[in-house]
PDB file of all heavy atoms in Angstrom:
ATOM      1  N   ALA A   1     107.903 115.783 113.325  1.00  0.00           N
ATOM      2  CA  ALA A   1     106.919 116.324 112.454  1.00  0.00           C
ATOM      3  C   ALA A   1     105.470 116.245 113.004  1.00  0.00           C
ATOM      4  O   ALA A   1     104.779 117.244 112.987  1.00  0.00           O
ATOM      5  CB  ALA A   1     106.959 115.735 111.062  1.00  0.00           C
ATOM      6  N   PRO A   2     104.995 115.169 113.466  1.00  0.00           N
ATOM      7  CA  PRO A   2     103.668 115.196 114.004  1.00  0.00           C
ATOM      8  C   PRO A   2     103.466 116.224 115.109  1.00  0.00           C
ATOM      9  O   PRO A   2     104.164 116.334 115.994  1.00  0.00           O
ATOM     10  CB  PRO A   2     103.471 113.757 114.583  1.00  0.00           C
ATOM     11  CG  PRO A   2     104.458 112.945 114.039  1.00  0.00           C
ATOM     12  CD  PRO A   2     105.612 113.889 113.842  1.00  0.00           C
ATOM     13  N   THR A   3     102.327 116.975 114.975  1.00  0.00           N
ATOM     14  CA  THR A   3     101.979 117.954 115.963  1.00  0.00           C
ATOM     15  C   THR A   3     101.057 117.267 116.990  1.00  0.00           C
ATOM     16  O   THR A   3      99.898 117.146 116.813  1.00  0.00           O
ATOM     17  CB  THR A   3     101.279 119.168 115.311  1.00  0.00           C
ATOM     18  OG1 THR A   3     100.175 118.672 114.527  1.00  0.00           O
ATOM     19  CG2 THR A   3     102.205 119.971 114.410  1.00  0.00           C
ATOM     20  N   ALA A   4     101.611 116.882 118.088  1.00  0.00           N
ATOM     21  CA  ALA A   4     100.970 116.199 119.121  1.00  0.00           C
ATOM     22  C   ALA A   4     100.733 117.040 120.370  1.00  0.00           C
ATOM     23  O   ALA A   4     101.516 117.981 120.635  1.00  0.00           O
ATOM     24  CB  ALA A   4     101.728 114.855 119.526  1.00  0.00           C
ATOM     25  N   GLU A   5      99.726 116.746 121.148  1.00  0.00           N
ATOM     26  CA  GLU A   5      99.338 117.488 122.147  1.00  0.00           C
ATOM     27  C   GLU A   5     100.496 117.462 123.341  1.00  0.00           C
ATOM     28  O   GLU A   5     100.658 118.497 124.025  1.00  0.00           O
ATOM     29  CB  GLU A   5      98.119 117.036 122.871  1.00  0.00           C
ATOM     30  CG  GLU A   5      97.648 117.813 124.088  1.00  0.00           C
ATOM     31  CD  GLU A   5      96.298 117.340 124.679  1.00  0.00           C
ATOM     32  OE1 GLU A   5      95.806 116.263 124.127  1.00  0.00           O
ATOM     33  OE2 GLU A   5      95.807 117.894 125.642  1.00  0.00           O
ATOM     34  N   HIS A   6     101.095 116.337 123.360  1.00  0.00           N
ATOM     35  CA  HIS A   6     102.155 116.086 124.440  1.00  0.00           C
ATOM     36  C   HIS A   6     103.578 115.803 123.747  1.00  0.00           C
ATOM     37  O   HIS A   6     104.287 114.925 124.128  1.00  0.00           O
ATOM     38  CB  HIS A   6     101.798 114.902 125.252  1.00  0.00           C
ATOM     39  CG  HIS A   6     100.434 115.036 125.942  1.00  0.00           C
ATOM     40  ND1 HIS A   6     100.101 116.188 126.763  1.00  0.00           N
ATOM     41  CD2 HIS A   6      99.268 114.375 125.780  1.00  0.00           C
ATOM     42  CE1 HIS A   6      98.796 116.146 127.126  1.00  0.00           C
ATOM     43  NE2 HIS A   6      98.353 115.020 126.591  1.00  0.00           N
ATOM     44  N   GLY A   7     103.910 116.724 122.852  1.00  0.00           N
ATOM     45  CA  GLY A   7     105.284 116.571 122.250  1.00  0.00           C
ATOM     46  C   GLY A   7     105.369 115.347 121.416  1.00  0.00           C
ATOM     47  O   GLY A   7     104.556 114.975 120.683  1.00  0.00           O
ATOM     48  N   LYS A   8     106.363 114.684 121.612  1.00  0.00           N
ATOM     49  CA  LYS A   8     106.768 113.437 120.888  1.00  0.00           C
ATOM     50  C   LYS A   8     105.906 112.231 121.163  1.00  0.00           C
ATOM     51  O   LYS A   8     105.866 111.267 120.417  1.00  0.00           O
ATOM     52  CB  LYS A   8     108.244 113.010 121.022  1.00  0.00           C
ATOM     53  CG  LYS A   8     108.574 112.461 122.366  1.00  0.00           C
ATOM     54  CD  LYS A   8     110.046 112.135 122.527  1.00  0.00           C
ATOM     55  CE  LYS A   8     110.333 110.751 122.051  1.00  0.00           C
ATOM     56  NZ  LYS A   8     111.725 110.409 122.218  1.00  0.00           N
ATOM     57  N   TRP A   9     105.190 112.346 122.401  1.00  0.00           N
ATOM     58  CA  TRP A   9     104.550 111.137 122.834  1.00  0.00           C
ATOM     59  C   TRP A   9     103.139 110.981 122.224  1.00  0.00           C
ATOM     60  O   TRP A   9     102.100 111.420 122.618  1.00  0.00           O
ATOM     61  CB  TRP A   9     104.393 111.275 124.384  1.00  0.00           C
ATOM     62  CG  TRP A   9     105.748 111.276 125.030  1.00  0.00           C
ATOM     63  CD1 TRP A   9     106.408 112.383 125.457  1.00  0.00           C
ATOM     64  CD2 TRP A   9     106.757 110.263 125.048  1.00  0.00           C
ATOM     65  NE1 TRP A   9     107.664 112.103 125.940  1.00  0.00           N
ATOM     66  CE2 TRP A   9     107.924 110.747 125.641  1.00  0.00           C
ATOM     67  CE3 TRP A   9     106.700 108.892 124.641  1.00  0.00           C
ATOM     68  CZ2 TRP A   9     108.997 110.032 125.856  1.00  0.00           C
ATOM     69  CZ3 TRP A   9     107.824 108.169 124.837  1.00  0.00           C
ATOM     70  CH2 TRP A   9     109.022 108.679 125.438  1.00  0.00           C
ATOM     71  N   THR A  10     103.136 110.262 121.022  1.00  0.00           N
ATOM     72  CA  THR A  10     101.967 110.047 120.334  1.00  0.00           C
ATOM     73  C   THR A  10     102.119 108.828 119.424  1.00  0.00           C
ATOM     74  O   THR A  10     103.277 108.392 119.200  1.00  0.00           O
ATOM     75  CB  THR A  10     101.648 111.290 119.377  1.00  0.00           C
ATOM     76  OG1 THR A  10     100.474 110.972 118.539  1.00  0.00           O
ATOM     77  CG2 THR A  10     102.828 111.514 118.400  1.00  0.00           C
ATOM     78  N   ASP A  11     101.075 108.285 118.999  1.00  0.00           N
ATOM     79  CA  ASP A  11     101.197 107.134 118.106  1.00  0.00           C
ATOM     80  C   ASP A  11     100.642 107.499 116.713  1.00  0.00           C
ATOM     81  O   ASP A  11     100.319 106.705 115.870  1.00  0.00           O
ATOM     82  CB  ASP A  11     100.414 105.875 118.597  1.00  0.00           C
ATOM     83  CG  ASP A  11      98.916 106.157 118.900  1.00  0.00           C
ATOM     84  OD1 ASP A  11      98.477 107.349 118.646  1.00  0.00           O
ATOM     85  OD2 ASP A  11      98.214 105.244 119.455  1.00  0.00           O
ATOM     86  N   LYS A  12     100.511 108.875 116.474  1.00  0.00           N
ATOM     87  CA  LYS A  12      99.966 109.301 115.185  1.00  0.00           C
ATOM     88  C   LYS A  12     100.977 109.141 114.041  1.00  0.00           C
ATOM     89  O   LYS A  12     102.251 109.165 114.303  1.00  0.00           O
ATOM     90  CB  LYS A  12      99.693 110.833 115.251  1.00  0.00           C
ATOM     91  CG  LYS A  12      98.538 111.205 116.206  1.00  0.00           C
ATOM     92  CD  LYS A  12      98.271 112.731 116.169  1.00  0.00           C
ATOM     93  CE  LYS A  12      97.140 113.121 117.160  1.00  0.00           C
ATOM     94  NZ  LYS A  12      96.987 114.567 117.170  1.00  0.00           N
ATOM     95  N   ARG A  13     100.437 108.856 112.854  1.00  0.00           N
ATOM     96  CA  ARG A  13     101.282 108.765 111.690  1.00  0.00           C
ATOM     97  C   ARG A  13     101.636 110.165 111.002  1.00  0.00           C
ATOM     98  O   ARG A  13     100.843 111.022 111.351  1.00  0.00           O
ATOM     99  CB  ARG A  13     100.568 107.818 110.668  1.00  0.00           C
ATOM    100  CG  ARG A  13     100.325 106.432 111.038  1.00  0.00           C
ATOM    101  CD  ARG A  13     101.479 105.523 111.051  1.00  0.00           C
ATOM    102  NE  ARG A  13     101.966 105.289 109.681  1.00  0.00           N
ATOM    103  CZ  ARG A  13     102.891 104.463 109.312  1.00  0.00           C
ATOM    104  NH1 ARG A  13     103.564 103.817 110.312  1.00  0.00           N
ATOM    105  NH2 ARG A  13     103.279 104.307 108.106  1.00  0.00           N
ATOM    106  N   TYR A  14     102.590 110.132 110.263  1.00  0.00           N
ATOM    107  CA  TYR A  14     102.921 111.352 109.613  1.00  0.00           C
ATOM    108  C   TYR A  14     101.993 111.695 108.469  1.00  0.00           C
ATOM    109  O   TYR A  14     101.549 110.924 107.827  1.00  0.00           O
ATOM    110  CB  TYR A  14     104.319 111.198 109.090  1.00  0.00           C
ATOM    111  CG  TYR A  14     105.412 111.511 110.126  1.00  0.00           C
ATOM    112  CD1 TYR A  14     105.550 110.529 111.146  1.00  0.00           C
ATOM    113  CD2 TYR A  14     106.278 112.561 110.054  1.00  0.00           C
ATOM    114  CE1 TYR A  14     106.552 110.791 112.118  1.00  0.00           C
ATOM    115  CE2 TYR A  14     107.303 112.727 110.920  1.00  0.00           C
ATOM    116  CZ  TYR A  14     107.371 111.825 112.024  1.00  0.00           C
ATOM    117  OH  TYR A  14     108.375 112.088 112.936  1.00  0.00           O
ATOM    118  N   GLU A  15     101.859 113.062 108.301  1.00  0.00           N
ATOM    119  CA  GLU A  15     101.103 113.515 107.129  1.00  0.00           C
ATOM    120  C   GLU A  15     102.217 113.779 106.109  1.00  0.00           C
ATOM    121  O   GLU A  15     103.220 114.547 106.321  1.00  0.00           O
ATOM    122  CB  GLU A  15     100.440 114.841 107.456  1.00  0.00           C
ATOM    123  CG  GLU A  15      99.217 114.621 108.417  1.00  0.00           C
ATOM    124  CD  GLU A  15      98.459 115.926 108.739  1.00  0.00           C
ATOM    125  OE1 GLU A  15      98.912 116.927 108.188  1.00  0.00           O
ATOM    126  OE2 GLU A  15      97.420 115.912 109.487  1.00  0.00           O
ATOM    127  N   MET A  16     101.923 113.328 104.882  1.00  0.00           N
ATOM    128  CA  MET A  16     102.911 113.420 103.817  1.00  0.00           C
ATOM    129  C   MET A  16     103.207 114.896 103.532  1.00  0.00           C
ATOM    130  O   MET A  16     104.359 115.335 103.325  1.00  0.00           O
ATOM    131  CB  MET A  16     102.426 112.788 102.573  1.00  0.00           C
ATOM    132  CG  MET A  16     103.317 113.043 101.276  1.00  0.00           C
ATOM    133  SD  MET A  16     105.035 112.785 101.489  1.00  0.00           S
ATOM    134  CE  MET A  16     105.018 110.991 101.713  1.00  0.00           C
ATOM    135  N   LYS A  17     102.214 115.834 103.451  1.00  0.00           N
ATOM    136  CA  LYS A  17     102.409 117.266 103.046  1.00  0.00           C
ATOM    137  C   LYS A  17     103.456 117.876 104.041  1.00  0.00           C
ATOM    138  O   LYS A  17     104.299 118.636 103.687  1.00  0.00           O
ATOM    139  CB  LYS A  17     101.112 117.890 103.055  1.00  0.00           C
ATOM    140  CG  LYS A  17     100.300 117.590 101.838  1.00  0.00           C
ATOM    141  CD  LYS A  17      99.126 118.530 101.660  1.00  0.00           C
ATOM    142  CE  LYS A  17      98.307 118.211 100.417  1.00  0.00           C
ATOM    143  NZ  LYS A  17      97.135 119.126 100.287  1.00  0.00           N
ATOM    144  N   ARG A  18     103.289 117.563 105.295  1.00  0.00           N
ATOM    145  CA  ARG A  18     104.136 118.111 106.325  1.00  0.00           C
ATOM    146  C   ARG A  18     105.538 117.592 106.164  1.00  0.00           C
ATOM    147  O   ARG A  18     106.572 118.386 106.242  1.00  0.00           O
ATOM    148  CB  ARG A  18     103.612 117.961 107.690  1.00  0.00           C
ATOM    149  CG  ARG A  18     104.464 118.642 108.798  1.00  0.00           C
ATOM    150  CD  ARG A  18     103.829 118.451 110.157  1.00  0.00           C
ATOM    151  NE  ARG A  18     104.631 118.913 111.214  1.00  0.00           N
ATOM    152  CZ  ARG A  18     104.779 120.218 111.590  1.00  0.00           C
ATOM    153  NH1 ARG A  18     104.207 121.215 110.834  1.00  0.00           N
ATOM    154  NH2 ARG A  18     105.548 120.626 112.531  1.00  0.00           N
ATOM    155  N   LEU A  19     105.728 116.252 106.095  1.00  0.00           N
ATOM    156  CA  LEU A  19     106.937 115.605 105.879  1.00  0.00           C
ATOM    157  C   LEU A  19     107.651 116.160 104.696  1.00  0.00           C
ATOM    158  O   LEU A  19     108.830 116.483 104.717  1.00  0.00           O
ATOM    159  CB  LEU A  19     106.755 114.070 105.845  1.00  0.00           C
ATOM    160  CG  LEU A  19     108.121 113.305 105.736  1.00  0.00           C
ATOM    161  CD1 LEU A  19     108.960 113.425 106.893  1.00  0.00           C
ATOM    162  CD2 LEU A  19     107.746 111.780 105.471  1.00  0.00           C
ATOM    163  N   ARG A  20     107.012 116.255 103.526  1.00  0.00           N
ATOM    164  CA  ARG A  20     107.523 116.724 102.327  1.00  0.00           C
ATOM    165  C   ARG A  20     107.989 118.201 102.463  1.00  0.00           C
ATOM    166  O   ARG A  20     109.150 118.491 102.032  1.00  0.00           O
ATOM    167  CB  ARG A  20     106.482 116.684 101.199  1.00  0.00           C
ATOM    168  CG  ARG A  20     106.963 117.238  99.881  1.00  0.00           C
ATOM    169  CD  ARG A  20     105.884 117.471  98.869  1.00  0.00           C
ATOM    170  NE  ARG A  20     105.314 116.317  98.480  1.00  0.00           N
ATOM    171  CZ  ARG A  20     104.082 115.885  98.772  1.00  0.00           C
ATOM    172  NH1 ARG A  20     103.292 116.644  99.555  1.00  0.00           N
ATOM    173  NH2 ARG A  20     103.701 114.726  98.318  1.00  0.00           N
ATOM    174  N   SER A  21     107.218 118.915 103.121  1.00  0.00           N
ATOM    175  CA  SER A  21     107.722 120.361 103.268  1.00  0.00           C
ATOM    176  C   SER A  21     108.976 120.518 103.967  1.00  0.00           C
ATOM    177  O   SER A  21     109.832 121.303 103.632  1.00  0.00           O
ATOM    178  CB  SER A  21     106.476 121.142 104.015  1.00  0.00           C
ATOM    179  OG  SER A  21     106.931 122.380 104.360  1.00  0.00           O
ATOM    180  N   ILE A  22     109.129 119.739 105.031  1.00  0.00           N
ATOM    181  CA  ILE A  22     110.371 119.774 105.893  1.00  0.00           C
ATOM    182  C   ILE A  22     111.497 119.197 105.043  1.00  0.00           C
ATOM    183  O   ILE A  22     112.547 119.874 105.008  1.00  0.00           O
ATOM    184  CB  ILE A  22     110.133 118.976 107.122  1.00  0.00           C
ATOM    185  CG1 ILE A  22     109.128 119.659 108.052  1.00  0.00           C
ATOM    186  CG2 ILE A  22     111.477 118.811 107.887  1.00  0.00           C
ATOM    187  CD1 ILE A  22     108.596 118.858 109.206  1.00  0.00           C
ATOM    188  N   LEU A  23     111.445 118.019 104.438  1.00  0.00           N
ATOM    189  CA  LEU A  23     112.525 117.452 103.631  1.00  0.00           C
ATOM    190  C   LEU A  23     112.980 118.402 102.604  1.00  0.00           C
ATOM    191  O   LEU A  23     114.124 118.573 102.350  1.00  0.00           O
ATOM    192  CB  LEU A  23     112.170 116.082 103.170  1.00  0.00           C
ATOM    193  CG  LEU A  23     111.983 115.038 104.222  1.00  0.00           C
ATOM    194  CD1 LEU A  23     111.433 113.763 103.531  1.00  0.00           C
ATOM    195  CD2 LEU A  23     113.201 114.716 105.032  1.00  0.00           C
ATOM    196  N   ASN A  24     111.966 118.905 101.844  1.00  0.00           N
ATOM    197  CA  ASN A  24     112.324 119.794 100.691  1.00  0.00           C
ATOM    198  C   ASN A  24     112.961 121.127 101.156  1.00  0.00           C
ATOM    199  O   ASN A  24     113.918 121.600 100.529  1.00  0.00           O
ATOM    200  CB  ASN A  24     111.082 120.107  99.888  1.00  0.00           C
ATOM    201  CG  ASN A  24     110.561 118.976  99.058  1.00  0.00           C
ATOM    202  OD1 ASN A  24     111.072 117.822  99.166  1.00  0.00           O
ATOM    203  ND2 ASN A  24     109.451 119.239  98.339  1.00  0.00           N
ATOM    204  N   LYS A  25     112.477 121.597 102.233  1.00  0.00           N
ATOM    205  CA  LYS A  25     113.115 122.819 102.759  1.00  0.00           C
ATOM    206  C   LYS A  25     114.551 122.676 103.126  1.00  0.00           C
ATOM    207  O   LYS A  25     115.419 123.453 102.648  1.00  0.00           O
ATOM    208  CB  LYS A  25     112.389 123.282 104.014  1.00  0.00           C
ATOM    209  CG  LYS A  25     113.018 124.532 104.788  1.00  0.00           C
ATOM    210  CD  LYS A  25     112.266 124.907 105.928  1.00  0.00           C
ATOM    211  CE  LYS A  25     112.445 123.938 107.118  1.00  0.00           C
ATOM    212  NZ  LYS A  25     111.868 124.399 108.469  1.00  0.00           N
ATOM    213  N   TRP A  26     115.003 121.543 103.714  1.00  0.00           N
ATOM    214  CA  TRP A  26     116.391 121.364 104.047  1.00  0.00           C
ATOM    215  C   TRP A  26     117.224 121.046 102.805  1.00  0.00           C
ATOM    216  O   TRP A  26     118.336 121.417 102.717  1.00  0.00           O
ATOM    217  CB  TRP A  26     116.442 120.200 105.088  1.00  0.00           C
ATOM    218  CG  TRP A  26     116.146 120.648 106.467  1.00  0.00           C
ATOM    219  CD1 TRP A  26     114.872 120.692 107.015  1.00  0.00           C
ATOM    220  CD2 TRP A  26     117.017 121.284 107.373  1.00  0.00           C
ATOM    221  NE1 TRP A  26     114.919 121.310 108.260  1.00  0.00           N
ATOM    222  CE2 TRP A  26     116.219 121.700 108.441  1.00  0.00           C
ATOM    223  CE3 TRP A  26     118.327 121.585 107.367  1.00  0.00           C
ATOM    224  CZ2 TRP A  26     116.778 122.317 109.652  1.00  0.00           C
ATOM    225  CZ3 TRP A  26     118.884 122.138 108.568  1.00  0.00           C
ATOM    226  CH2 TRP A  26     118.126 122.497 109.649  1.00  0.00           C
ATOM    227  N   GLN A  27     116.557 120.413 101.897  1.00  0.00           N
ATOM    228  CA  GLN A  27     117.277 120.116 100.570  1.00  0.00           C
ATOM    229  C   GLN A  27     117.597 121.507  99.826  1.00  0.00           C
ATOM    230  O   GLN A  27     118.670 121.718  99.310  1.00  0.00           O
ATOM    231  CB  GLN A  27     116.594 119.174  99.700  1.00  0.00           C
ATOM    232  CG  GLN A  27     116.626 117.717 100.195  1.00  0.00           C
ATOM    233  CD  GLN A  27     117.966 117.048  99.909  1.00  0.00           C
ATOM    234  OE1 GLN A  27     118.477 116.992  98.851  1.00  0.00           O
ATOM    235  NE2 GLN A  27     118.626 116.631 100.994  1.00  0.00           N
ATOM    236  N   THR A  28     116.540 122.257  99.662  1.00  0.00           N
ATOM    237  CA  THR A  28     116.659 123.438  98.798  1.00  0.00           C
ATOM    238  C   THR A  28     117.399 124.643  99.462  1.00  0.00           C
ATOM    239  O   THR A  28     118.240 125.304  98.873  1.00  0.00           O
ATOM    240  CB  THR A  28     115.321 123.935  98.366  1.00  0.00           C
ATOM    241  OG1 THR A  28     114.427 124.138  99.480  1.00  0.00           O
ATOM    242  CG2 THR A  28     114.639 122.884  97.419  1.00  0.00           C
ATOM    243  N   GLU A  29     117.155 124.811 100.716  1.00  0.00           N
ATOM    244  CA  GLU A  29     117.704 126.011 101.404  1.00  0.00           C
ATOM    245  C   GLU A  29     119.120 125.859 101.857  1.00  0.00           C
ATOM    246  O   GLU A  29     119.736 126.930 102.134  1.00  0.00           O
ATOM    247  CB  GLU A  29     116.865 126.408 102.557  1.00  0.00           C
ATOM    248  CG  GLU A  29     115.382 126.839 102.132  1.00  0.00           C
ATOM    249  CD  GLU A  29     114.485 127.502 103.232  1.00  0.00           C
ATOM    250  OE1 GLU A  29     115.124 128.009 104.220  1.00  0.00           O
ATOM    251  OE2 GLU A  29     113.381 127.398 103.079  1.00  0.00           O
TER     252      GLU A  29
END
């Protein structure tokens, strides 16, 4: 989920809105 400049290689934390959007999409669709 984190949108990092170098793909997965980041120490950034997740944003809840983005995480929620992804989890909800897979549950509902």
